[in-house]
Amino acid sequence: MTFDEIQQTLEQMLVVQRESQESQIAQRQEIQDMLAYQERQQRLVDRLIGYSITNESDHLTLEERLNALGERIKRLEGRES
């Protein structure tokens, strides 16, 4: 093998290696982007669950108050009879 052939082979190997590294970097960036997207989605889900739980607890509190008020009205009506 001549010097020029060796040099050409090495250059081709370096091109392949550079392309492989660029591909790996691009894949790594895609994975990071997907993970960031998943984290944003998870935060949104957590917020929605929080809103749901908060809203549900508001309904329970209101229902408990209405029940207590109904019982109080029944007691007062019972006294008046």
N, C-alpha and C. Protein backbone atom coordinates (compact mmCIF):
# COMPACT_ATOMS: atom_id res chain seq x y z
N MET A 1 0.84 -1.17 0.00
CA MET A 1 0.00 0.00 0.00
C MET A 1 0.89 1.24 0.00
N THR A 2 0.53 2.18 -0.83
CA THR A 2 1.32 3.40 -0.91
C THR A 2 0.88 4.37 0.18
N PHE A 3 1.68 5.38 0.36
CA PHE A 3 1.38 6.40 1.36
C PHE A 3 0.04 7.07 1.06
N ASP A 4 -0.19 7.41 -0.19
CA ASP A 4 -1.45 8.06 -0.59
C ASP A 4 -2.66 7.17 -0.32
N GLU A 5 -2.53 5.88 -0.56
CA GLU A 5 -3.62 4.94 -0.29
C GLU A 5 -3.92 4.85 1.20
N ILE A 6 -2.86 4.82 1.99
CA ILE A 6 -3.03 4.77 3.44
C ILE A 6 -3.70 6.04 3.93
N GLN A 7 -3.26 7.17 3.41
CA GLN A 7 -3.83 8.45 3.80
C GLN A 7 -5.31 8.52 3.40
N GLN A 8 -5.64 8.07 2.22
CA GLN A 8 -7.02 8.08 1.75
C GLN A 8 -7.89 7.16 2.61
N THR A 9 -7.36 5.99 2.96
CA THR A 9 -8.10 5.06 3.81
C THR A 9 -8.37 5.68 5.18
N LEU A 10 -7.35 6.30 5.75
CA LEU A 10 -7.50 6.96 7.05
C LEU A 10 -8.53 8.09 6.98
N GLU A 11 -8.49 8.87 5.92
CA GLU A 11 -9.45 9.96 5.76
C GLU A 11 -10.88 9.42 5.68
N GLN A 12 -11.05 8.32 4.96
CA GLN A 12 -12.37 7.71 4.86
C GLN A 12 -12.84 7.18 6.22
N MET A 13 -11.91 6.60 6.96
CA MET A 13 -12.26 6.10 8.29
C MET A 13 -12.67 7.26 9.21
N LEU A 14 -11.95 8.38 9.10
CA LEU A 14 -12.28 9.54 9.92
C LEU A 14 -13.64 10.13 9.54
N VAL A 15 -13.97 10.09 8.26
CA VAL A 15 -15.28 10.58 7.81
C VAL A 15 -16.38 9.71 8.41
N VAL A 16 -16.18 8.39 8.35
CA VAL A 16 -17.17 7.47 8.90
C VAL A 16 -17.31 7.68 10.40
N GLN A 17 -16.19 7.85 11.08
CA GLN A 17 -16.23 8.06 12.53
C GLN A 17 -16.95 9.37 12.86
N ARG A 18 -16.66 10.45 12.12
CA ARG A 18 -17.30 11.74 12.37
C ARG A 18 -18.81 11.64 12.14
N GLU A 19 -19.22 10.98 11.07
CA GLU A 19 -20.64 10.81 10.79
C GLU A 19 -21.34 10.01 11.89
N SER A 20 -20.66 9.00 12.38
CA SER A 20 -21.20 8.18 13.46
C SER A 20 -21.37 9.02 14.72
N GLN A 21 -20.36 9.83 15.05
CA GLN A 21 -20.45 10.68 16.23
C GLN A 21 -21.54 11.73 16.10
N GLU A 22 -21.68 12.31 14.90
CA GLU A 22 -22.73 13.30 14.68
C GLU A 22 -24.11 12.66 14.83
N SER A 23 -24.25 11.43 14.35
CA SER A 23 -25.50 10.71 14.48
C SER A 23 -25.81 10.44 15.95
N GLN A 24 -24.80 10.04 16.70
CA GLN A 24 -25.00 9.78 18.13
C GLN A 24 -25.39 11.06 18.87
N ILE A 25 -24.76 12.17 18.52
CA ILE A 25 -25.09 13.45 19.15
C ILE A 25 -26.53 13.83 18.83
N ALA A 26 -26.95 13.65 17.58
CA ALA A 26 -28.32 13.96 17.19
C ALA A 26 -29.32 13.07 17.94
N GLN A 27 -28.99 11.78 18.06
CA GLN A 27 -29.87 10.87 18.78
C GLN A 27 -29.97 11.26 20.25
N ARG A 28 -28.85 11.61 20.84
CA ARG A 28 -28.82 12.03 22.24
C ARG A 28 -29.69 13.28 22.43
N GLN A 29 -29.61 14.23 21.50
CA GLN A 29 -30.41 15.44 21.58
C GLN A 29 -31.90 15.11 21.45
N GLU A 30 -32.24 14.20 20.56
CA GLU A 30 -33.64 13.78 20.41
C GLU A 30 -34.16 13.15 21.70
N ILE A 31 -33.33 12.33 22.32
CA ILE A 31 -33.73 11.68 23.58
C ILE A 31 -33.93 12.74 24.66
N GLN A 32 -33.02 13.71 24.75
CA GLN A 32 -33.17 14.77 25.74
C GLN A 32 -34.43 15.59 25.49
N ASP A 33 -34.71 15.86 24.22
CA ASP A 33 -35.93 16.60 23.89
C ASP A 33 -37.17 15.81 24.29
N MET A 34 -37.16 14.49 24.02
CA MET A 34 -38.31 13.66 24.39
C MET A 34 -38.47 13.62 25.91
N LEU A 35 -37.37 13.50 26.63
CA LEU A 35 -37.45 13.48 28.09
C LEU A 35 -37.99 14.80 28.63
N ALA A 36 -37.54 15.90 28.05
CA ALA A 36 -38.05 17.21 28.47
C ALA A 36 -39.54 17.31 28.18
N TYR A 37 -39.97 16.82 27.04
CA TYR A 37 -41.40 16.82 26.69
C TYR A 37 -42.19 15.97 27.68
N GLN A 38 -41.65 14.80 28.00
CA GLN A 38 -42.34 13.92 28.96
C GLN A 38 -42.43 14.57 30.33
N GLU A 39 -41.38 15.28 30.73
CA GLU A 39 -41.40 15.96 32.02
C GLU A 39 -42.47 17.05 32.02
N ARG A 40 -42.57 17.81 30.91
CA ARG A 40 -43.61 18.83 30.82
C ARG A 40 -44.99 18.20 30.88
N GLN A 41 -45.16 17.09 30.18
CA GLN A 41 -46.44 16.39 30.19
C GLN A 41 -46.78 15.91 31.60
N GLN A 42 -45.77 15.38 32.30
CA GLN A 42 -46.00 14.88 33.65
C GLN A 42 -46.39 16.01 34.59
N ARG A 43 -45.74 17.18 34.44
CA ARG A 43 -46.09 18.33 35.27
C ARG A 43 -47.53 18.76 35.00
N LEU A 44 -47.93 18.74 33.72
CA LEU A 44 -49.31 19.10 33.39
C LEU A 44 -50.30 18.11 33.99
N VAL A 45 -49.98 16.82 33.90
CA VAL A 45 -50.85 15.80 34.48
C VAL A 45 -50.94 15.99 36.00
N ASP A 46 -49.80 16.23 36.62
CA ASP A 46 -49.79 16.45 38.07
C ASP A 46 -50.65 17.66 38.44
N ARG A 47 -50.55 18.73 37.65
CA ARG A 47 -51.36 19.92 37.93
C ARG A 47 -52.84 19.61 37.75
N LEU A 48 -53.17 18.87 36.69
CA LEU A 48 -54.58 18.52 36.47
C LEU A 48 -55.11 17.64 37.59
N ILE A 49 -54.30 16.70 38.04
CA ILE A 49 -54.72 15.86 39.16
C ILE A 49 -54.91 16.72 40.40
N GLY A 50 -54.00 17.65 40.62
CA GLY A 50 -54.12 18.56 41.76
C GLY A 50 -55.39 19.37 41.68
N TYR A 51 -55.68 19.90 40.49
CA TYR A 51 -56.92 20.66 40.32
C TYR A 51 -58.13 19.77 40.57
N SER A 52 -58.06 18.55 40.08
CA SER A 52 -59.17 17.62 40.25
C SER A 52 -59.38 17.33 41.73
N ILE A 53 -58.30 17.05 42.42
CA ILE A 53 -58.40 16.75 43.85
C ILE A 53 -58.91 17.97 44.61
N THR A 54 -58.40 19.14 44.28
CA THR A 54 -58.83 20.37 44.94
C THR A 54 -60.31 20.61 44.68
N ASN A 55 -60.69 20.47 43.44
CA ASN A 55 -62.09 20.70 43.08
C ASN A 55 -62.98 19.67 43.78
N GLU A 56 -62.52 18.43 43.82
CA GLU A 56 -63.30 17.38 44.48
C GLU A 56 -63.44 17.68 45.96
N SER A 57 -62.38 18.14 46.58
CA SER A 57 -62.46 18.44 48.01
C SER A 57 -63.38 19.62 48.25
N ASP A 58 -63.42 20.58 47.31
CA ASP A 58 -64.37 21.69 47.43
C ASP A 58 -65.79 21.17 47.38
N HIS A 59 -66.06 20.24 46.47
CA HIS A 59 -67.39 19.66 46.37
C HIS A 59 -67.75 18.91 47.65
N LEU A 60 -66.80 18.16 48.19
CA LEU A 60 -67.06 17.43 49.42
C LEU A 60 -67.35 18.39 50.57
N THR A 61 -66.58 19.45 50.66
CA THR A 61 -66.79 20.42 51.72
C THR A 61 -68.17 21.06 51.57
N LEU A 62 -68.53 21.43 50.35
CA LEU A 62 -69.84 22.02 50.11
C LEU A 62 -70.95 21.03 50.43
N GLU A 63 -70.76 19.78 50.02
CA GLU A 63 -71.77 18.75 50.31
C GLU A 63 -71.91 18.54 51.81
N GLU A 64 -70.78 18.50 52.52
CA GLU A 64 -70.84 18.33 53.97
C GLU A 64 -71.58 19.50 54.63
N ARG A 65 -71.30 20.69 54.14
CA ARG A 65 -71.98 21.87 54.70
C ARG A 65 -73.48 21.81 54.44
N LEU A 66 -73.85 21.41 53.21
CA LEU A 66 -75.27 21.31 52.89
C LEU A 66 -75.95 20.24 53.74
N ASN A 67 -75.28 19.12 53.95
CA ASN A 67 -75.83 18.07 54.80
C ASN A 67 -76.00 18.56 56.24
N ALA A 68 -75.00 19.26 56.74
CA ALA A 68 -75.08 19.78 58.10
C ALA A 68 -76.21 20.80 58.22
N LEU A 69 -76.33 21.64 57.19
CA LEU A 69 -77.40 22.61 57.18
C LEU A 69 -78.77 21.93 57.14
N GLY A 70 -78.88 20.88 56.32
CA GLY A 70 -80.13 20.11 56.25
C GLY A 70 -80.48 19.50 57.58
N GLU A 71 -79.52 18.94 58.28
CA GLU A 71 -79.75 18.35 59.60
C GLU A 71 -80.18 19.42 60.59
N ARG A 72 -79.56 20.57 60.51
CA ARG A 72 -79.90 21.67 61.41
C ARG A 72 -81.34 22.14 61.18
N ILE A 73 -81.70 22.22 59.88
CA ILE A 73 -83.07 22.62 59.54
C ILE A 73 -84.06 21.60 60.08
N LYS A 74 -83.74 20.31 59.93
CA LYS A 74 -84.64 19.27 60.46
C LYS A 74 -84.79 19.39 61.97
N ARG A 75 -83.70 19.66 62.68
CA ARG A 75 -83.77 19.81 64.13
C ARG A 75 -84.62 21.02 64.50
N LEU A 76 -84.40 22.12 63.77
CA LEU A 76 -85.19 23.32 64.09
C LEU A 76 -86.66 23.10 63.78
N GLU A 77 -86.96 22.43 62.67
CA GLU A 77 -88.36 22.14 62.34
C GLU A 77 -88.97 21.22 63.37
N GLY A 78 -88.18 20.29 63.88
CA GLY A 78 -88.67 19.39 64.92
C GLY A 78 -89.01 20.11 66.19
N ARG A 79 -88.29 21.14 66.53
CA ARG A 79 -88.56 21.93 67.75
C ARG A 79 -89.82 22.74 67.60
N GLU A 80 -90.06 23.20 66.39
CA GLU A 80 -91.24 24.05 66.16
C GLU A 80 -92.54 23.25 66.16
N SER A 81 -92.47 21.97 65.89
CA SER A 81 -93.71 21.17 65.79
C SER A 81 -94.32 20.91 67.12
